[in-house]
Amino acid sequence: MAMLTTPGIPAPVPLEVAASARARRRGLLGRDGIDGALLLSPAAAVHTLGMRFAIDVAYVDRKFRVLAVRTMKPGRMGWPRPRSRHILEAEAGAMERWGVRRGTHLTVHDR
């Protein structure tokens, strides 16, 4: 499992990476929560149709700089973001706790 760090996170966050088309399509569907975050790569948009919980969504560019952060309730469609190459998903409220906001640079570490 990979780890995610930013200048605002005191400790690394567990990170799952959904690199295959199948894993990206599934995302967090069918789960009751997530410990850490899920990185969809490549991805420019997400939806929460069929989700069981609200999520925070960070749209991330090729250099892993956050373009925007949104909280999405279940049953919503997200618009594609220009320049977005990756999507970071976590339980609602996590991005604020971690200090992830527009302009934040994310670092992904392999374990």
C-alpha atoms as a PDB file:
ATOM      1  CA  MET A   1       0.000   0.000   0.000  1.00  0.00           C
ATOM      2  CA  ALA A   2       1.194   3.498  -0.800  1.00  0.00           C
ATOM      3  CA  MET A   3       1.215   6.488   1.557  1.00  0.00           C
ATOM      4  CA  LEU A   4       0.123  10.084   0.986  1.00  0.00           C
ATOM      5  CA  THR A   5       1.783  13.129   2.523  1.00  0.00           C
ATOM      6  CA  THR A   6       1.255  16.886   2.265  1.00  0.00           C
ATOM      7  CA  PRO A   7       2.709  19.780   4.236  1.00  0.00           C
ATOM      8  CA  GLY A   8      -0.486  19.796   6.385  1.00  0.00           C
ATOM      9  CA  ILE A   9      -0.579  16.091   7.304  1.00  0.00           C
ATOM     10  CA  PRO A  10       1.280  15.291  10.544  1.00  0.00           C
ATOM     11  CA  ALA A  11       1.556  11.579   9.643  1.00  0.00           C
ATOM     12  CA  PRO A  12       1.375   9.778   6.295  1.00  0.00           C
ATOM     13  CA  VAL A  13      -2.104   8.665   5.198  1.00  0.00           C
ATOM     14  CA  PRO A  14      -2.688   5.114   3.861  1.00  0.00           C
ATOM     15  CA  LEU A  15      -3.385   5.349   0.130  1.00  0.00           C
ATOM     16  CA  GLU A  16      -4.956   2.816  -2.195  1.00  0.00           C
ATOM     17  CA  VAL A  17      -4.217   3.368  -5.889  1.00  0.00           C
ATOM     18  CA  ALA A  18      -6.855   2.445  -8.473  1.00  0.00           C
ATOM     19  CA  ALA A  19      -4.768   2.268 -11.629  1.00  0.00           C
ATOM     20  CA  SER A  20      -6.811  -0.195 -13.699  1.00  0.00           C
ATOM     21  CA  ALA A  21      -9.977   0.819 -15.554  1.00  0.00           C
ATOM     22  CA  ARG A  22     -11.996  -1.661 -13.495  1.00  0.00           C
ATOM     23  CA  ALA A  23     -10.647  -0.345 -10.179  1.00  0.00           C
ATOM     24  CA  ARG A  24     -11.319   3.263 -11.240  1.00  0.00           C
ATOM     25  CA  ARG A  25     -14.910   2.427 -12.249  1.00  0.00           C
ATOM     26  CA  ARG A  26     -15.547   0.789  -8.885  1.00  0.00           C
ATOM     27  CA  GLY A  27     -13.835   3.431  -6.759  1.00  0.00           C
ATOM     28  CA  LEU A  28     -15.431   3.425  -3.300  1.00  0.00           C
ATOM     29  CA  LEU A  29     -18.723   1.873  -4.462  1.00  0.00           C
ATOM     30  CA  GLY A  30     -19.961  -0.903  -2.189  1.00  0.00           C
ATOM     31  CA  ARG A  31     -17.880   0.217   0.789  1.00  0.00           C
ATOM     32  CA  ASP A  32     -19.067   1.602   4.104  1.00  0.00           C
ATOM     33  CA  GLY A  33     -15.973   3.773   4.515  1.00  0.00           C
ATOM     34  CA  ILE A  34     -12.237   3.966   3.884  1.00  0.00           C
ATOM     35  CA  ASP A  35      -9.228   4.162   6.164  1.00  0.00           C
ATOM     36  CA  GLY A  36      -7.122   6.758   4.369  1.00  0.00           C
ATOM     37  CA  ALA A  37      -7.722   7.684   0.746  1.00  0.00           C
ATOM     38  CA  LEU A  38      -8.170   6.270  -2.747  1.00  0.00           C
ATOM     39  CA  LEU A  39      -6.294   7.685  -5.746  1.00  0.00           C
ATOM     40  CA  LEU A  40      -7.960   7.207  -9.140  1.00  0.00           C
ATOM     41  CA  SER A  41      -5.371   7.551 -11.876  1.00  0.00           C
ATOM     42  CA  PRO A  42      -5.946   8.666 -14.548  1.00  0.00           C
ATOM     43  CA  ALA A  43      -9.307  10.333 -13.879  1.00  0.00           C
ATOM     44  CA  ALA A  44     -10.920  13.739 -14.407  1.00  0.00           C
ATOM     45  CA  ALA A  45     -14.428  13.238 -12.934  1.00  0.00           C
ATOM     46  CA  VAL A  46     -16.313  11.037 -10.472  1.00  0.00           C
ATOM     47  CA  HIS A  47     -19.860  10.246  -9.393  1.00  0.00           C
ATOM     48  CA  THR A  48     -21.370   9.064  -6.134  1.00  0.00           C
ATOM     49  CA  LEU A  49     -24.286   7.115  -7.596  1.00  0.00           C
ATOM     50  CA  GLY A  50     -24.794   4.078  -5.345  1.00  0.00           C
ATOM     51  CA  MET A  51     -22.404   5.363  -2.664  1.00  0.00           C
ATOM     52  CA  ARG A  52     -23.197   4.710   0.998  1.00  0.00           C
ATOM     53  CA  PHE A  53     -21.451   7.791   2.419  1.00  0.00           C
ATOM     54  CA  ALA A  54     -20.416  11.332   1.482  1.00  0.00           C
ATOM     55  CA  ILE A  55     -16.881  11.790   0.162  1.00  0.00           C
ATOM     56  CA  ASP A  56     -14.328  14.524  -0.298  1.00  0.00           C
ATOM     57  CA  VAL A  57     -12.971  14.693  -3.826  1.00  0.00           C
ATOM     58  CA  ALA A  58      -9.688  16.418  -4.733  1.00  0.00           C
ATOM     59  CA  TYR A  59      -9.027  17.047  -8.426  1.00  0.00           C
ATOM     60  CA  VAL A  60      -5.263  16.779  -8.985  1.00  0.00           C
ATOM     61  CA  ASP A  61      -3.078  17.792 -11.967  1.00  0.00           C
ATOM     62  CA  ARG A  62      -0.135  15.913 -13.513  1.00  0.00           C
ATOM     63  CA  LYS A  63       2.303  17.428 -10.998  1.00  0.00           C
ATOM     64  CA  PHE A  64       0.093  16.316  -8.069  1.00  0.00           C
ATOM     65  CA  ARG A  65      -1.041  19.850  -7.263  1.00  0.00           C
ATOM     66  CA  VAL A  66      -4.661  20.078  -6.060  1.00  0.00           C
ATOM     67  CA  LEU A  67      -6.884  22.007  -8.483  1.00  0.00           C
ATOM     68  CA  ALA A  68     -10.095  21.880  -6.413  1.00  0.00           C
ATOM     69  CA  VAL A  69     -11.678  20.063  -3.470  1.00  0.00           C
ATOM     70  CA  ARG A  70     -15.389  19.258  -3.255  1.00  0.00           C
ATOM     71  CA  THR A  71     -17.572  17.298  -0.846  1.00  0.00           C
ATOM     72  CA  MET A  72     -20.072  15.095  -2.662  1.00  0.00           C
ATOM     73  CA  LYS A  73     -23.151  13.519  -1.107  1.00  0.00           C
ATOM     74  CA  PRO A  74     -24.311  10.107  -2.359  1.00  0.00           C
ATOM     75  CA  GLY A  75     -26.242  10.171  -5.645  1.00  0.00           C
ATOM     76  CA  ARG A  76     -24.358  13.071  -7.303  1.00  0.00           C
ATOM     77  CA  MET A  77     -22.532  13.502 -10.614  1.00  0.00           C
ATOM     78  CA  GLY A  78     -19.275  15.432 -10.655  1.00  0.00           C
ATOM     79  CA  TRP A  79     -18.232  17.554 -13.627  1.00  0.00           C
ATOM     80  CA  PRO A  80     -14.899  16.830 -15.321  1.00  0.00           C
ATOM     81  CA  ARG A  81     -12.191  19.319 -14.380  1.00  0.00           C
ATOM     82  CA  PRO A  82      -9.917  20.733 -17.059  1.00  0.00           C
ATOM     83  CA  ARG A  83      -6.264  19.769 -16.399  1.00  0.00           C
ATOM     84  CA  SER A  84      -7.278  17.118 -13.861  1.00  0.00           C
ATOM     85  CA  ARG A  85      -5.224  13.951 -14.237  1.00  0.00           C
ATOM     86  CA  HIS A  86      -5.941  12.230 -10.906  1.00  0.00           C
ATOM     87  CA  ILE A  87      -8.772  12.151  -8.357  1.00  0.00           C
ATOM     88  CA  LEU A  88      -8.211  11.687  -4.634  1.00  0.00           C
ATOM     89  CA  GLU A  89     -11.236  10.368  -2.697  1.00  0.00           C
ATOM     90  CA  ALA A  90     -11.677  10.142   1.079  1.00  0.00           C
ATOM     91  CA  GLU A  91     -14.495  10.227   3.622  1.00  0.00           C
ATOM     92  CA  ALA A  92     -16.157  13.632   3.937  1.00  0.00           C
ATOM     93  CA  GLY A  93     -14.173  15.911   6.242  1.00  0.00           C
ATOM     94  CA  ALA A  94     -10.834  14.154   5.733  1.00  0.00           C
ATOM     95  CA  MET A  95      -9.374  16.675   3.273  1.00  0.00           C
ATOM     96  CA  GLU A  96      -9.986  19.540   5.694  1.00  0.00           C
ATOM     97  CA  ARG A  97      -8.339  17.594   8.551  1.00  0.00           C
ATOM     98  CA  TRP A  98      -5.346  16.867   6.336  1.00  0.00           C
ATOM     99  CA  GLY A  99      -5.032  20.466   5.099  1.00  0.00           C
ATOM    100  CA  VAL A 100      -5.707  19.459   1.487  1.00  0.00           C
ATOM    101  CA  ARG A 101      -7.029  22.475  -0.423  1.00  0.00           C
ATOM    102  CA  ARG A 102      -6.529  24.180  -3.775  1.00  0.00           C
ATOM    103  CA  GLY A 103      -2.805  24.607  -4.431  1.00  0.00           C
ATOM    104  CA  THR A 104      -1.654  21.882  -2.018  1.00  0.00           C
ATOM    105  CA  HIS A 105       1.102  19.646  -3.396  1.00  0.00           C
ATOM    106  CA  LEU A 106       0.530  15.935  -2.738  1.00  0.00           C
ATOM    107  CA  THR A 107       3.351  13.415  -2.433  1.00  0.00           C
ATOM    108  CA  VAL A 108       2.747   9.696  -2.981  1.00  0.00           C
ATOM    109  CA  HIS A 109       5.236   7.248  -1.464  1.00  0.00           C
ATOM    110  CA  ASP A 110       5.456   3.507  -2.128  1.00  0.00           C
ATOM    111  CA  ARG A 111       5.820   1.395   0.969  1.00  0.00           C
END
